Amino acid sequence: MTNALSSAVNETLAMLSSPMLAITTHVQGRNNGLVARSGLFASLVPEAPRVLIELTKANLTHDLVLASGVFVLHTLPATPHDALTKSLSLIHALGMRSGHDGDKMTGIPTRPGVTGCPILTDTLTYLEARVVATLDGEELTVFLADVVGGGRLRDGEPLTFGLFREYLPKEWLAEWGTS
């Protein structure tokens, strides 16, 4: 790929970036969650909303969503400042360690949703979803799901990847790079 093409590809991919997301799920008494960067509105019919997410197969949350067929997609707030601080804390807890190594949800404020999945109460908005189809993408799985519930938990603007990188505590950089 030439430098000009690479630059154009990177610019286009940056435009496709969704807000920072947290995905949670629940199966057989086990809650788990992770941080994701891809969540898409996937319906042509507003009365039948659907979403697409992709989860890496190495993540425990991937396996739990496959087993349960349900998840919650959360947007994280960037404003006001106290909400940004909570978002960064959620990213640290859910995105910088593995659920395979222990319970990542301990200490995170939640309430159960209609699907039984934990709703993270410090987030901006959420959608509860039931999986209707999957697509194997080698190292990841794409999940298509019907939205069965949702809500707004606070006022504010969503946290983008750019803002996350700007406010990421410097001492977390190495940890983020390996997670």
Foldseek 3Di string as FASTA:
>chain_A
DDPVVVVVVVVVVLVQWDFWKKKWADDPHAIAIAIATDKAFDDPDPVWTKMKDKDFPVAPRQVRCVVLQKMKIFFQFCDDPVSVVVSLVLNCLHYLDGCVVHRSCPPFDFDADPSRITDRLSTFKMWIWGFDDWDDPPRMIMTMTTTDDMDGNDDHDTHHPVNCVVPNPPVCVVSNVVD
